[in-house]
Amino acid sequence: MQNDASIVYVVDDQADVRRSLSLILKSAGYEVQTYGDGDAFLRDATPDLPFGCVLLDLWMRATDCLAVQRKLAARGLCLPVVAITAHGSVRLAVQMMKAGACDVLEKPYSCTTILRAIAAALAATRERRDAAQEAHEAEARIAALSPREAEVLTGMVAGQQNKLIAQQLRISPRTVEIHRANLMAKLQARSLPEAVRMALSAGIRPVASNPQRSHR
């Protein structure tokens, strides 16, 4: 049973398959929206479409499944796709995975298999989305730091004490303390580990020692 109201968009041109999948998914706690072809789904796939997993039939007669997936990506819609097929095709499965599909399942599939695939796709996509959001927020905060504060933060990421940072930057330890206090406030970090995690999320990595020109 799902703990939230996750949505699954079932895109399949066979009505009986849509009904069967709807029963399975609703019994597991998902909200379900069904579509008879990819074009119908794409008409609804606007930027305000609620987050959910797309269960996409690979062999719909009137729709290019790869085109559906690529159009979703082109529109910036970060929706996980689980593809299902009644006809095993390694080539098409590889193309779908390269285009970003989370999984490709071959019919007949069990209820457990499809529910696990959807849950894994939703969890992985949420994790990537949350990490991207965290990185974006960290980058915005770090962009507000002065050049010297950013240098001190880089030293902190490298695990250096104030004295060593001061030596490398050719400033006093007291000045390092001031910069450190200022950057912690700007980052809204409550602890050193939190500041370091934020820096790493934003892509800051420790660099080799390189004494720089002195300025306070």
N, C-alpha and C. Protein backbone atom coordinates (compact mmCIF):
# COMPACT_ATOMS: atom_id res chain seq x y z
N MET A 1 0.85 -1.21 0.00
CA MET A 1 0.00 0.00 0.00
C MET A 1 0.88 1.24 0.00
N GLN A 2 0.53 2.19 -0.83
CA GLN A 2 1.29 3.43 -0.90
C GLN A 2 0.96 4.33 0.27
N ASN A 3 1.97 5.12 0.68
CA ASN A 3 1.78 6.05 1.78
C ASN A 3 1.35 7.43 1.30
N ASP A 4 1.35 7.65 0.01
CA ASP A 4 0.93 8.94 -0.51
C ASP A 4 0.00 8.72 -1.68
N ALA A 5 -0.40 9.83 -2.30
CA ALA A 5 -1.37 9.73 -3.40
C ALA A 5 -0.67 9.76 -4.74
N SER A 6 0.38 8.95 -4.91
CA SER A 6 1.11 8.91 -6.17
C SER A 6 0.17 8.53 -7.32
N ILE A 7 0.43 9.13 -8.47
CA ILE A 7 -0.39 8.89 -9.65
C ILE A 7 0.36 8.00 -10.62
N VAL A 8 -0.35 7.09 -11.26
CA VAL A 8 0.21 6.31 -12.37
C VAL A 8 -0.62 6.62 -13.60
N TYR A 9 0.08 7.01 -14.66
CA TYR A 9 -0.56 7.30 -15.95
C TYR A 9 -0.41 6.06 -16.82
N VAL A 10 -1.49 5.36 -17.05
CA VAL A 10 -1.47 4.13 -17.85
C VAL A 10 -1.77 4.49 -19.30
N VAL A 11 -0.81 4.24 -20.18
CA VAL A 11 -0.96 4.58 -21.59
C VAL A 11 -0.88 3.28 -22.39
N ASP A 12 -2.03 2.80 -22.83
CA ASP A 12 -2.11 1.51 -23.53
C ASP A 12 -3.33 1.55 -24.44
N ASP A 13 -3.21 1.01 -25.65
CA ASP A 13 -4.32 1.08 -26.59
C ASP A 13 -5.32 -0.06 -26.44
N GLN A 14 -5.13 -0.94 -25.46
CA GLN A 14 -6.07 -2.02 -25.22
C GLN A 14 -6.87 -1.73 -23.95
N ALA A 15 -8.18 -1.62 -24.11
CA ALA A 15 -9.06 -1.25 -23.00
C ALA A 15 -9.01 -2.26 -21.86
N ASP A 16 -8.91 -3.55 -22.21
CA ASP A 16 -8.89 -4.56 -21.15
C ASP A 16 -7.61 -4.48 -20.33
N VAL A 17 -6.52 -4.14 -20.98
CA VAL A 17 -5.25 -3.98 -20.26
C VAL A 17 -5.34 -2.77 -19.33
N ARG A 18 -5.93 -1.69 -19.83
CA ARG A 18 -6.07 -0.50 -18.99
C ARG A 18 -6.93 -0.80 -17.76
N ARG A 19 -8.00 -1.54 -17.96
CA ARG A 19 -8.88 -1.88 -16.83
C ARG A 19 -8.14 -2.77 -15.82
N SER A 20 -7.42 -3.75 -16.32
CA SER A 20 -6.70 -4.67 -15.44
C SER A 20 -5.64 -3.93 -14.63
N LEU A 21 -4.88 -3.09 -15.30
CA LEU A 21 -3.84 -2.34 -14.60
C LEU A 21 -4.44 -1.37 -13.59
N SER A 22 -5.54 -0.77 -13.94
CA SER A 22 -6.20 0.17 -13.02
C SER A 22 -6.60 -0.53 -11.73
N LEU A 23 -7.16 -1.74 -11.86
CA LEU A 23 -7.57 -2.49 -10.67
C LEU A 23 -6.37 -2.82 -9.79
N ILE A 24 -5.28 -3.26 -10.41
CA ILE A 24 -4.07 -3.61 -9.66
C ILE A 24 -3.52 -2.39 -8.94
N LEU A 25 -3.43 -1.29 -9.66
CA LEU A 25 -2.81 -0.08 -9.11
C LEU A 25 -3.67 0.56 -8.03
N LYS A 26 -4.98 0.63 -8.27
CA LYS A 26 -5.86 1.23 -7.27
C LYS A 26 -5.89 0.41 -5.99
N SER A 27 -5.80 -0.90 -6.13
CA SER A 27 -5.78 -1.76 -4.93
C SER A 27 -4.50 -1.53 -4.12
N ALA A 28 -3.46 -1.03 -4.77
CA ALA A 28 -2.19 -0.75 -4.09
C ALA A 28 -2.13 0.69 -3.58
N GLY A 29 -3.21 1.45 -3.78
CA GLY A 29 -3.26 2.80 -3.24
C GLY A 29 -2.90 3.91 -4.20
N TYR A 30 -2.70 3.58 -5.47
CA TYR A 30 -2.35 4.60 -6.45
C TYR A 30 -3.61 5.26 -7.03
N GLU A 31 -3.48 6.52 -7.37
CA GLU A 31 -4.47 7.17 -8.22
C GLU A 31 -4.10 6.83 -9.65
N VAL A 32 -5.08 6.56 -10.49
CA VAL A 32 -4.79 6.11 -11.85
C VAL A 32 -5.51 6.98 -12.87
N GLN A 33 -4.79 7.37 -13.91
CA GLN A 33 -5.39 8.02 -15.08
C GLN A 33 -5.00 7.20 -16.30
N THR A 34 -5.97 6.88 -17.15
CA THR A 34 -5.71 6.01 -18.30
C THR A 34 -5.86 6.78 -19.61
N TYR A 35 -5.09 6.33 -20.60
CA TYR A 35 -5.10 6.95 -21.94
C TYR A 35 -5.01 5.84 -22.98
N GLY A 36 -5.77 6.00 -24.07
CA GLY A 36 -5.80 5.00 -25.12
C GLY A 36 -4.65 5.10 -26.10
N ASP A 37 -3.92 6.21 -26.08
CA ASP A 37 -2.75 6.35 -26.95
C ASP A 37 -1.85 7.46 -26.41
N GLY A 38 -0.64 7.50 -26.95
CA GLY A 38 0.34 8.47 -26.48
C GLY A 38 -0.04 9.91 -26.76
N ASP A 39 -0.71 10.15 -27.88
CA ASP A 39 -1.10 11.51 -28.21
C ASP A 39 -2.08 12.07 -27.18
N ALA A 40 -3.01 11.23 -26.74
CA ALA A 40 -3.97 11.68 -25.73
C ALA A 40 -3.25 12.03 -24.43
N PHE A 41 -2.28 11.21 -24.07
CA PHE A 41 -1.52 11.49 -22.85
C PHE A 41 -0.71 12.78 -23.01
N LEU A 42 -0.09 12.96 -24.17
CA LEU A 42 0.73 14.15 -24.39
C LEU A 42 -0.10 15.43 -24.36
N ARG A 43 -1.36 15.35 -24.71
CA ARG A 43 -2.22 16.54 -24.63
C ARG A 43 -2.37 17.00 -23.18
N ASP A 44 -2.32 16.05 -22.26
CA ASP A 44 -2.43 16.39 -20.84
C ASP A 44 -1.06 16.67 -20.20
N ALA A 45 0.00 16.30 -20.90
CA ALA A 45 1.34 16.39 -20.33
C ALA A 45 1.89 17.82 -20.42
N THR A 46 1.27 18.71 -19.66
CA THR A 46 1.68 20.10 -19.58
C THR A 46 2.56 20.27 -18.33
N PRO A 47 3.23 21.43 -18.19
CA PRO A 47 4.11 21.63 -17.04
C PRO A 47 3.44 21.46 -15.68
N ASP A 48 2.11 21.66 -15.62
CA ASP A 48 1.43 21.53 -14.33
C ASP A 48 0.87 20.13 -14.09
N LEU A 49 1.27 19.16 -14.93
CA LEU A 49 0.82 17.78 -14.73
C LEU A 49 1.39 17.25 -13.41
N PRO A 50 0.55 16.71 -12.52
CA PRO A 50 1.05 16.20 -11.24
C PRO A 50 2.10 15.10 -11.45
N PHE A 51 3.05 15.06 -10.54
CA PHE A 51 4.11 14.05 -10.61
C PHE A 51 3.52 12.66 -10.50
N GLY A 52 4.03 11.75 -11.31
CA GLY A 52 3.59 10.37 -11.26
C GLY A 52 4.40 9.52 -12.21
N CYS A 53 4.12 8.22 -12.20
CA CYS A 53 4.82 7.28 -13.06
C CYS A 53 4.01 7.02 -14.32
N VAL A 54 4.67 6.97 -15.46
CA VAL A 54 4.02 6.68 -16.73
C VAL A 54 4.23 5.22 -17.07
N LEU A 55 3.15 4.47 -17.15
CA LEU A 55 3.20 3.07 -17.54
C LEU A 55 2.86 3.02 -19.02
N LEU A 56 3.86 2.78 -19.84
CA LEU A 56 3.74 3.01 -21.29
C LEU A 56 3.90 1.71 -22.08
N ASP A 57 2.88 1.38 -22.86
CA ASP A 57 2.94 0.20 -23.73
C ASP A 57 3.86 0.49 -24.92
N LEU A 58 4.80 -0.41 -25.15
CA LEU A 58 5.77 -0.19 -26.23
C LEU A 58 5.18 -0.39 -27.61
N TRP A 59 4.11 -1.18 -27.70
CA TRP A 59 3.66 -1.59 -29.03
C TRP A 59 2.26 -1.08 -29.35
N MET A 60 1.96 0.15 -28.97
CA MET A 60 0.68 0.74 -29.38
C MET A 60 0.70 0.99 -30.87
N ARG A 61 -0.42 0.68 -31.51
CA ARG A 61 -0.46 0.74 -32.99
C ARG A 61 -0.31 2.15 -33.53
N ALA A 62 -0.86 3.13 -32.82
CA ALA A 62 -0.90 4.48 -33.40
C ALA A 62 0.12 5.43 -32.79
N THR A 63 1.00 4.92 -31.93
CA THR A 63 1.88 5.83 -31.20
C THR A 63 3.31 5.32 -31.18
N ASP A 64 4.25 6.22 -31.38
CA ASP A 64 5.67 5.90 -31.23
C ASP A 64 6.02 6.12 -29.76
N CYS A 65 6.25 5.02 -29.04
CA CYS A 65 6.50 5.12 -27.60
C CYS A 65 7.76 5.92 -27.29
N LEU A 66 8.77 5.78 -28.14
CA LEU A 66 9.99 6.56 -27.94
C LEU A 66 9.72 8.05 -28.10
N ALA A 67 8.85 8.40 -29.05
CA ALA A 67 8.51 9.81 -29.25
C ALA A 67 7.82 10.37 -28.02
N VAL A 68 6.95 9.57 -27.40
CA VAL A 68 6.26 10.03 -26.19
C VAL A 68 7.28 10.33 -25.10
N GLN A 69 8.20 9.40 -24.90
CA GLN A 69 9.21 9.58 -23.86
C GLN A 69 10.09 10.79 -24.13
N ARG A 70 10.49 10.94 -25.38
CA ARG A 70 11.37 12.06 -25.72
C ARG A 70 10.66 13.40 -25.62
N LYS A 71 9.37 13.43 -25.94
CA LYS A 71 8.62 14.68 -25.81
C LYS A 71 8.44 15.06 -24.35
N LEU A 72 8.28 14.08 -23.49
CA LEU A 72 8.21 14.37 -22.06
C LEU A 72 9.49 15.03 -21.59
N ALA A 73 10.62 14.47 -22.02
CA ALA A 73 11.92 15.04 -21.63
C ALA A 73 12.10 16.43 -22.21
N ALA A 74 11.68 16.62 -23.46
CA ALA A 74 11.83 17.92 -24.10
C ALA A 74 11.00 18.99 -23.40
N ARG A 75 9.88 18.58 -22.80
CA ARG A 75 9.03 19.52 -22.07
C ARG A 75 9.49 19.75 -20.63
N GLY A 76 10.57 19.07 -20.26
CA GLY A 76 11.09 19.23 -18.91
C GLY A 76 10.28 18.53 -17.85
N LEU A 77 9.50 17.52 -18.24
CA LEU A 77 8.68 16.78 -17.30
C LEU A 77 9.47 15.59 -16.76
N CYS A 78 9.81 15.66 -15.50
CA CYS A 78 10.62 14.61 -14.87
C CYS A 78 9.71 13.51 -14.35
N LEU A 79 9.13 12.76 -15.28
CA LEU A 79 8.22 11.68 -14.92
C LEU A 79 8.89 10.34 -15.22
N PRO A 80 8.97 9.45 -14.23
CA PRO A 80 9.56 8.13 -14.50
C PRO A 80 8.68 7.33 -15.44
N VAL A 81 9.32 6.60 -16.35
CA VAL A 81 8.59 5.78 -17.32
C VAL A 81 8.93 4.31 -17.10
N VAL A 82 7.91 3.50 -16.98
CA VAL A 82 8.06 2.04 -16.97
C VAL A 82 7.36 1.54 -18.23
N ALA A 83 8.11 0.91 -19.10
CA ALA A 83 7.56 0.42 -20.37
C ALA A 83 7.14 -1.04 -20.22
N ILE A 84 6.04 -1.41 -20.88
CA ILE A 84 5.58 -2.80 -20.88
C ILE A 84 5.40 -3.25 -22.33
N THR A 85 5.70 -4.52 -22.57
CA THR A 85 5.59 -5.02 -23.94
C THR A 85 5.17 -6.48 -23.95
N ALA A 86 4.41 -6.85 -24.96
CA ALA A 86 4.03 -8.24 -25.16
C ALA A 86 4.97 -8.93 -26.13
N HIS A 87 5.86 -8.17 -26.70
CA HIS A 87 6.78 -8.70 -27.70
C HIS A 87 8.20 -8.31 -27.30
N GLY A 88 8.97 -9.28 -26.85
CA GLY A 88 10.33 -8.99 -26.42
C GLY A 88 11.15 -8.39 -27.56
N SER A 89 11.74 -7.27 -27.33
CA SER A 89 12.60 -6.62 -28.32
C SER A 89 13.76 -5.98 -27.60
N VAL A 90 14.91 -6.62 -27.70
CA VAL A 90 16.10 -6.10 -27.01
C VAL A 90 16.45 -4.72 -27.54
N ARG A 91 16.36 -4.53 -28.86
CA ARG A 91 16.73 -3.26 -29.46
C ARG A 91 15.86 -2.12 -28.94
N LEU A 92 14.55 -2.34 -28.94
CA LEU A 92 13.64 -1.29 -28.49
C LEU A 92 13.78 -1.05 -26.99
N ALA A 93 13.98 -2.14 -26.23
CA ALA A 93 14.16 -1.98 -24.79
C ALA A 93 15.40 -1.14 -24.49
N VAL A 94 16.48 -1.40 -25.23
CA VAL A 94 17.72 -0.64 -25.05
C VAL A 94 17.49 0.83 -25.41
N GLN A 95 16.76 1.07 -26.50
CA GLN A 95 16.47 2.45 -26.90
C GLN A 95 15.66 3.17 -25.82
N MET A 96 14.68 2.47 -25.25
CA MET A 96 13.87 3.08 -24.20
C MET A 96 14.70 3.40 -22.97
N MET A 97 15.57 2.48 -22.58
CA MET A 97 16.41 2.71 -21.41
C MET A 97 17.38 3.86 -21.66
N LYS A 98 17.93 3.94 -22.86
CA LYS A 98 18.83 5.04 -23.20
C LYS A 98 18.09 6.37 -23.19
N ALA A 99 16.81 6.34 -23.54
CA ALA A 99 16.01 7.57 -23.55
C ALA A 99 15.53 7.95 -22.16
N GLY A 100 15.81 7.09 -21.16
CA GLY A 100 15.49 7.45 -19.79
C GLY A 100 14.46 6.59 -19.08
N ALA A 101 13.97 5.54 -19.74
CA ALA A 101 13.00 4.67 -19.06
C ALA A 101 13.64 4.02 -17.84
N CYS A 102 12.88 3.89 -16.77
CA CYS A 102 13.40 3.27 -15.55
C CYS A 102 13.44 1.75 -15.65
N ASP A 103 12.49 1.19 -16.40
CA ASP A 103 12.42 -0.27 -16.49
C ASP A 103 11.60 -0.65 -17.72
N VAL A 104 11.83 -1.86 -18.22
CA VAL A 104 11.04 -2.41 -19.32
C VAL A 104 10.58 -3.80 -18.88
N LEU A 105 9.27 -4.01 -18.82
CA LEU A 105 8.71 -5.27 -18.36
C LEU A 105 8.03 -5.99 -19.52
N GLU A 106 8.24 -7.29 -19.58
CA GLU A 106 7.62 -8.09 -20.64
C GLU A 106 6.40 -8.82 -20.10
N LYS A 107 5.31 -8.79 -20.87
CA LYS A 107 4.12 -9.54 -20.52
C LYS A 107 4.38 -11.03 -20.76
N PRO A 108 3.77 -11.91 -19.96
CA PRO A 108 2.91 -11.62 -18.80
C PRO A 108 3.74 -11.25 -17.58
N TYR A 109 3.28 -10.28 -16.84
CA TYR A 109 3.97 -9.85 -15.63
C TYR A 109 3.05 -10.10 -14.44
N SER A 110 3.65 -10.28 -13.28
CA SER A 110 2.84 -10.48 -12.08
C SER A 110 2.49 -9.13 -11.47
N CYS A 111 1.49 -9.13 -10.62
CA CYS A 111 1.13 -7.89 -9.91
C CYS A 111 2.31 -7.38 -9.10
N THR A 112 2.98 -8.30 -8.44
CA THR A 112 4.13 -7.91 -7.60
C THR A 112 5.21 -7.25 -8.44
N THR A 113 5.49 -7.84 -9.61
CA THR A 113 6.55 -7.30 -10.46
C THR A 113 6.25 -5.87 -10.90
N ILE A 114 5.04 -5.63 -11.34
CA ILE A 114 4.72 -4.29 -11.84
C ILE A 114 4.65 -3.27 -10.72
N LEU A 115 4.14 -3.67 -9.56
CA LEU A 115 4.09 -2.75 -8.42
C LEU A 115 5.49 -2.40 -7.93
N ARG A 116 6.37 -3.38 -7.92
CA ARG A 116 7.75 -3.12 -7.50
C ARG A 116 8.45 -2.19 -8.48
N ALA A 117 8.20 -2.40 -9.78
CA ALA A 117 8.84 -1.56 -10.79
C ALA A 117 8.38 -0.11 -10.67
N ILE A 118 7.09 0.08 -10.46
CA ILE A 118 6.54 1.44 -10.33
C ILE A 118 7.07 2.11 -9.06
N ALA A 119 7.05 1.37 -7.94
CA ALA A 119 7.54 1.94 -6.68
C ALA A 119 9.01 2.33 -6.79
N ALA A 120 9.82 1.47 -7.43
CA ALA A 120 11.24 1.76 -7.58
C ALA A 120 11.46 2.97 -8.49
N ALA A 121 10.67 3.07 -9.56
CA ALA A 121 10.80 4.19 -10.50
C ALA A 121 10.44 5.51 -9.81
N LEU A 122 9.35 5.50 -9.05
CA LEU A 122 8.94 6.72 -8.34
C LEU A 122 9.98 7.13 -7.31
N ALA A 123 10.49 6.15 -6.54
CA ALA A 123 11.46 6.46 -5.49
C ALA A 123 12.75 7.01 -6.07
N ALA A 124 13.24 6.37 -7.14
CA ALA A 124 14.50 6.82 -7.75
C ALA A 124 14.36 8.21 -8.34
N THR A 125 13.23 8.48 -8.97
CA THR A 125 13.02 9.79 -9.59
C THR A 125 12.86 10.87 -8.53
N ARG A 126 12.14 10.56 -7.45
CA ARG A 126 12.01 11.52 -6.36
C ARG A 126 13.38 11.85 -5.76
N GLU A 127 14.21 10.82 -5.62
CA GLU A 127 15.54 11.02 -5.05
C GLU A 127 16.38 11.93 -5.93
N ARG A 128 16.34 11.68 -7.25
CA ARG A 128 17.10 12.54 -8.18
C ARG A 128 16.55 13.95 -8.17
N ARG A 129 15.22 14.08 -8.13
CA ARG A 129 14.59 15.40 -8.13
C ARG A 129 14.95 16.17 -6.86
N ASP A 130 14.91 15.48 -5.71
CA ASP A 130 15.23 16.13 -4.45
C ASP A 130 16.70 16.55 -4.42
N ALA A 131 17.58 15.68 -4.96
CA ALA A 131 19.00 16.01 -4.99
C ALA A 131 19.27 17.22 -5.88
N ALA A 132 18.56 17.28 -7.01
CA ALA A 132 18.72 18.42 -7.92
C ALA A 132 18.24 19.71 -7.26
N GLN A 133 17.11 19.61 -6.54
CA GLN A 133 16.59 20.79 -5.85
C GLN A 133 17.54 21.25 -4.75
N GLU A 134 18.09 20.28 -4.02
CA GLU A 134 19.04 20.60 -2.96
C GLU A 134 20.28 21.27 -3.54
N ALA A 135 20.77 20.74 -4.67
CA ALA A 135 21.94 21.33 -5.31
C ALA A 135 21.65 22.75 -5.79
N HIS A 136 20.47 22.95 -6.36
CA HIS A 136 20.09 24.28 -6.84
C HIS A 136 20.04 25.29 -5.69
N GLU A 137 19.45 24.89 -4.58
CA GLU A 137 19.36 25.79 -3.44
C GLU A 137 20.74 26.07 -2.85
N ALA A 138 21.59 25.03 -2.80
CA ALA A 138 22.95 25.22 -2.28
C ALA A 138 23.75 26.16 -3.17
N GLU A 139 23.63 25.98 -4.49
CA GLU A 139 24.34 26.85 -5.43
C GLU A 139 23.92 28.30 -5.27
N ALA A 140 22.62 28.53 -5.06
CA ALA A 140 22.13 29.89 -4.89
C ALA A 140 22.70 30.54 -3.64
N ARG A 141 22.77 29.79 -2.55
CA ARG A 141 23.32 30.34 -1.31
C ARG A 141 24.82 30.58 -1.42
N ILE A 142 25.51 29.63 -2.03
CA ILE A 142 26.96 29.77 -2.16
C ILE A 142 27.33 30.91 -3.10
N ALA A 143 26.45 31.18 -4.07
CA ALA A 143 26.71 32.30 -4.99
C ALA A 143 26.71 33.64 -4.26
N ALA A 144 26.07 33.67 -3.08
CA ALA A 144 26.01 34.92 -2.31
C ALA A 144 27.28 35.14 -1.47
N LEU A 145 28.17 34.15 -1.41
CA LEU A 145 29.40 34.30 -0.64
C LEU A 145 30.39 35.21 -1.36
N SER A 146 31.22 35.88 -0.59
CA SER A 146 32.30 36.66 -1.18
C SER A 146 33.38 35.69 -1.67
N PRO A 147 34.28 36.13 -2.56
CA PRO A 147 35.36 35.25 -3.02
C PRO A 147 36.17 34.66 -1.87
N ARG A 148 36.47 35.47 -0.87
CA ARG A 148 37.26 34.99 0.25
C ARG A 148 36.47 33.98 1.10
N GLU A 149 35.19 34.24 1.29
CA GLU A 149 34.37 33.29 2.03
C GLU A 149 34.29 31.95 1.30
N ALA A 150 34.22 32.01 -0.02
CA ALA A 150 34.20 30.77 -0.82
C ALA A 150 35.51 30.01 -0.66
N GLU A 151 36.62 30.73 -0.57
CA GLU A 151 37.93 30.08 -0.38
C GLU A 151 37.99 29.41 0.99
N VAL A 152 37.49 30.09 2.00
CA VAL A 152 37.47 29.50 3.33
C VAL A 152 36.58 28.26 3.34
N LEU A 153 35.43 28.32 2.67
CA LEU A 153 34.54 27.17 2.59
C LEU A 153 35.22 25.99 1.92
N THR A 154 36.00 26.26 0.88
CA THR A 154 36.73 25.18 0.20
C THR A 154 37.71 24.52 1.17
N GLY A 155 38.36 25.32 2.00
CA GLY A 155 39.26 24.76 3.00
C GLY A 155 38.50 23.92 4.02
N MET A 156 37.32 24.37 4.39
CA MET A 156 36.49 23.60 5.32
C MET A 156 36.09 22.26 4.72
N VAL A 157 35.76 22.28 3.43
CA VAL A 157 35.39 21.03 2.75
C VAL A 157 36.56 20.05 2.75
N ALA A 158 37.79 20.59 2.68
CA ALA A 158 38.98 19.75 2.70
C ALA A 158 39.32 19.27 4.11
N GLY A 159 38.54 19.71 5.11
CA GLY A 159 38.78 19.28 6.48
C GLY A 159 39.90 20.02 7.17
N GLN A 160 40.24 21.20 6.67
CA GLN A 160 41.35 21.97 7.22
C GLN A 160 40.92 22.80 8.43
N GLN A 161 41.81 22.92 9.39
CA GLN A 161 41.58 23.77 10.54
C GLN A 161 41.80 25.23 10.14
N ASN A 162 41.28 26.13 10.97
CA ASN A 162 41.39 27.56 10.67
C ASN A 162 42.84 28.00 10.46
N LYS A 163 43.74 27.45 11.28
CA LYS A 163 45.15 27.86 11.19
C LYS A 163 45.74 27.52 9.82
N LEU A 164 45.44 26.32 9.32
CA LEU A 164 45.98 25.92 8.01
C LEU A 164 45.34 26.74 6.89
N ILE A 165 44.04 26.97 6.99
CA ILE A 165 43.37 27.81 5.99
C ILE A 165 44.00 29.20 5.96
N ALA A 166 44.28 29.74 7.14
CA ALA A 166 44.90 31.06 7.24
C ALA A 166 46.28 31.08 6.58
N GLN A 167 47.05 30.02 6.82
CA GLN A 167 48.39 29.94 6.21
C GLN A 167 48.30 29.90 4.70
N GLN A 168 47.38 29.11 4.18
CA GLN A 168 47.27 28.96 2.74
C GLN A 168 46.75 30.23 2.07
N LEU A 169 45.87 30.94 2.76
CA LEU A 169 45.30 32.16 2.18
C LEU A 169 46.10 33.41 2.57
N ARG A 170 47.10 33.19 3.46
CA ARG A 170 47.96 34.29 3.92
C ARG A 170 47.15 35.39 4.60
N ILE A 171 46.28 34.95 5.47
CA ILE A 171 45.50 35.87 6.30
C ILE A 171 45.59 35.35 7.73
N SER A 172 45.10 36.10 8.67
CA SER A 172 45.20 35.69 10.07
C SER A 172 44.10 34.69 10.42
N PRO A 173 44.37 33.82 11.41
CA PRO A 173 43.33 32.89 11.86
C PRO A 173 42.06 33.62 12.30
N ARG A 174 42.22 34.78 12.91
CA ARG A 174 41.05 35.54 13.34
C ARG A 174 40.20 35.96 12.14
N THR A 175 40.86 36.34 11.04
CA THR A 175 40.12 36.71 9.84
C THR A 175 39.38 35.50 9.27
N VAL A 176 40.02 34.33 9.34
CA VAL A 176 39.36 33.11 8.90
C VAL A 176 38.11 32.86 9.74
N GLU A 177 38.21 33.07 11.04
CA GLU A 177 37.06 32.88 11.92
C GLU A 177 35.90 33.80 11.52
N ILE A 178 36.23 35.04 11.18
CA ILE A 178 35.19 35.99 10.79
C ILE A 178 34.53 35.55 9.49
N HIS A 179 35.35 35.19 8.50
CA HIS A 179 34.81 34.71 7.22
C HIS A 179 33.95 33.46 7.43
N ARG A 180 34.42 32.59 8.30
CA ARG A 180 33.70 31.35 8.56
C ARG A 180 32.33 31.63 9.18
N ALA A 181 32.29 32.53 10.15
CA ALA A 181 31.03 32.88 10.78
C ALA A 181 30.08 33.51 9.77
N ASN A 182 30.63 34.38 8.90
CA ASN A 182 29.79 35.04 7.90
C ASN A 182 29.22 34.04 6.90
N LEU A 183 30.06 33.11 6.43
CA LEU A 183 29.57 32.16 5.43
C LEU A 183 28.57 31.18 6.03
N MET A 184 28.76 30.81 7.28
CA MET A 184 27.79 29.94 7.94
C MET A 184 26.42 30.62 8.01
N ALA A 185 26.44 31.93 8.31
CA ALA A 185 25.18 32.67 8.37
C ALA A 185 24.53 32.77 7.00
N LYS A 186 25.33 33.05 5.97
CA LYS A 186 24.77 33.18 4.62
C LYS A 186 24.21 31.85 4.11
N LEU A 187 24.89 30.76 4.47
CA LEU A 187 24.42 29.45 4.03
C LEU A 187 23.26 28.95 4.88
N GLN A 188 23.01 29.62 6.00
CA GLN A 188 21.99 29.18 6.95
C GLN A 188 22.28 27.76 7.44
N ALA A 189 23.59 27.51 7.61
CA ALA A 189 24.04 26.19 8.08
C ALA A 189 24.17 26.22 9.60
N ARG A 190 23.61 25.21 10.25
CA ARG A 190 23.64 25.17 11.71
C ARG A 190 24.86 24.45 12.25
N SER A 191 25.62 23.78 11.37
CA SER A 191 26.80 23.04 11.81
C SER A 191 27.79 22.93 10.67
N LEU A 192 29.02 22.58 11.01
CA LEU A 192 30.04 22.37 9.99
C LEU A 192 29.65 21.26 9.01
N PRO A 193 29.21 20.09 9.50
CA PRO A 193 28.80 19.04 8.55
C PRO A 193 27.72 19.50 7.58
N GLU A 194 26.78 20.31 8.06
CA GLU A 194 25.71 20.79 7.18
C GLU A 194 26.28 21.71 6.10
N ALA A 195 27.22 22.58 6.49
CA ALA A 195 27.85 23.48 5.52
C ALA A 195 28.64 22.69 4.49
N VAL A 196 29.34 21.66 4.94
CA VAL A 196 30.14 20.83 4.02
C VAL A 196 29.23 20.06 3.06
N ARG A 197 28.13 19.51 3.58
CA ARG A 197 27.19 18.80 2.70
C ARG A 197 26.62 19.74 1.65
N MET A 198 26.33 20.95 2.05
CA MET A 198 25.79 21.94 1.12
C MET A 198 26.81 22.26 0.03
N ALA A 199 28.07 22.42 0.45
CA ALA A 199 29.13 22.73 -0.52
C ALA A 199 29.32 21.58 -1.50
N LEU A 200 29.33 20.35 -0.99
CA LEU A 200 29.49 19.19 -1.86
C LEU A 200 28.32 19.06 -2.82
N SER A 201 27.11 19.34 -2.32
CA SER A 201 25.92 19.27 -3.17
C SER A 201 26.01 20.27 -4.31
N ALA A 202 26.64 21.43 -4.03
CA ALA A 202 26.79 22.48 -5.05
C ALA A 202 27.99 22.24 -5.96
N GLY A 203 28.72 21.17 -5.71
CA GLY A 203 29.84 20.83 -6.59
C GLY A 203 31.19 21.34 -6.15
N ILE A 204 31.28 21.90 -4.94
CA ILE A 204 32.58 22.38 -4.45
C ILE A 204 33.39 21.18 -3.98
N ARG A 205 34.63 21.11 -4.43
CA ARG A 205 35.53 20.03 -4.05
C ARG A 205 36.83 20.63 -3.52
N PRO A 206 37.49 19.94 -2.57
CA PRO A 206 38.77 20.44 -2.07
C PRO A 206 39.82 20.44 -3.17
N VAL A 207 40.68 21.45 -3.15
CA VAL A 207 41.74 21.55 -4.15
C VAL A 207 43.08 21.50 -3.46
N ALA A 208 44.11 21.26 -4.24
CA ALA A 208 45.46 21.21 -3.68
C ALA A 208 45.86 22.57 -3.14
N SER A 209 46.75 22.55 -2.16
CA SER A 209 47.21 23.80 -1.55
C SER A 209 47.80 24.71 -2.60
N ASN A 210 47.44 25.98 -2.50
CA ASN A 210 47.95 26.95 -3.46
C ASN A 210 47.89 28.34 -2.84
N PRO A 211 48.94 28.72 -2.08
CA PRO A 211 48.95 30.00 -1.42
C PRO A 211 48.61 31.11 -2.40
N GLN A 212 47.78 32.02 -1.95
CA GLN A 212 47.29 33.09 -2.83
C GLN A 212 47.69 34.43 -2.32
N ARG A 213 47.55 35.39 -3.16
CA ARG A 213 47.88 36.76 -2.84
C ARG A 213 47.07 37.23 -1.65
N SER A 214 47.72 37.93 -0.72
CA SER A 214 47.05 38.36 0.50
C SER A 214 46.11 39.50 0.25
N HIS A 215 44.87 39.35 0.79
CA HIS A 215 43.97 40.47 0.91
C HIS A 215 42.94 40.10 1.97
N ARG A 216 42.53 41.06 2.74
CA ARG A 216 41.63 40.80 3.85
C ARG A 216 40.21 41.16 3.44
